[in-house]
């Protein structure tokens, strides 16, 4: 027994050693599995969960709170550095897709260069779009289509540079095709004339682009259906030498134009009207340079003001009035409006209607007919008027002048509270520098209301926080660069 017992003990220990080795292997395998799960499986899972949480976006302030909007997870189709030309219809038709067009040349196509429609999204960057038989870019169709244009040149197109909305779809066939299959073509025409579905919204953002020498307007924004709305935000563009004006707006459109140069167009710089009953565009137009257009700088026959209205623009040397409006009352504040009109026609601000506008804190100088020509002067105050209607460089006292001079400056009315009739003392008007000198009477002369106080920090306004008259005063003013004011719009 004594000889056997140690052997048994040894064998038992040997068995236990084998068991522990197997357990170690199991533990190591488990740890490796956890490591693989942690490195390869868990990150994609967490990422997908985060995307799922982000796929629902809260509604904006203008949307019903119960509505939510899903982010489209599909990637963009990228069209990079291509020449798209010589097509019978359009260069590129983007429909129900997300497309990025970058560094492309789109030219000499039979209709529009690019057509975006039917729930499509298009990003157009650093491209040239020119010499189309139709519009350069056309956004239309059913659904809610979106387009963003930046850093591009859109020019020499037979129709508008950018056309948003409209009845006409692109031409899909030639005459020979109609002769071969007229019934199919008539069916296409019937579908073409169908109204878009309820709630159709076309939205466009245009940035840092040059839109010039097109056969119609540089940007044409016109809804032709009561249930179609167009949203346009155009900023920091140069829109010039277009045959039918810089920007044309009509019907159910919400438009923001800011920090653009809109110059030397054949008709008005910006025109707004309506072709559908009770369907007026809503406009906010601020910090633009509007110069040298053959008709009015702003011709607003029918439009509603948004939260801003017409503010902080430099409007000069236009063939018609600086601002002309008719049907709807306007909110016009802190603009510098100089040297508009030709011969005996053209006022700084000209009204053709009987509504009561709100016109404050503007500088109106050197305009051909008169400075301010409105039917009802009640809503007008705290404006500076000088040398309008050829009245000469009067007067020594800003707050006192003869009735004849007041009538000449104010279109037959007497001055209102806060109005000044004197030289605004621009820095260098010969070089288009219409900022104010340090001793200008327009400094701290605006309506003493907090909503018009100058922006914090003091620049570009001068003096205290009270509003300076003209484009450099008020909360929306920016530091004007003299290089921008030189209006170099050469190609």
Foldseek 3Di string as FASTA:
>chain_A
DVVVVVVVVVVVVVVVVVVVVVVVVVVVVVVVVVVCCVPPPPVVVVVVVVLVVVQWDADDPVDDRVDTHGDDPDDAAEDEQEEQEDAQWEREEFELGHYEYEAYEFEHYNEEHYEWEHQYEYEYELYEFEHYQYEPYEYEYAAEYEYEYANYEFAHYAEEPYEYADQDDIDDDDPVVCVVPVVVVVVVVVVSRDDYDAQYEYEYEYYHYEQEHYNAENYEYEHDDLRYEYEYEYAHYEFEQYAHEHYEEEFRYEYEYAHYEQEHYAEENYEWYYDDPPGGYEYDYAHYEQEHYAEEPYHYAGHHYDPHWAELYEFEHYAAAPHEYEDDATAHFFAEFAHYHDDQHYEPYAYHYQDDHAYWQAEFEHTAHAHAHDNDCVNYAQYEYECYNNPDQDDPFQVDDDQVVQCRHHVHDHHDYLYTYHDQDAPCVVQQRRDGDQPGPQALSTDQDVQFFAAPPQPPGDDDRRFGGHSGTGDPHDHDDSVVSNVPPDD
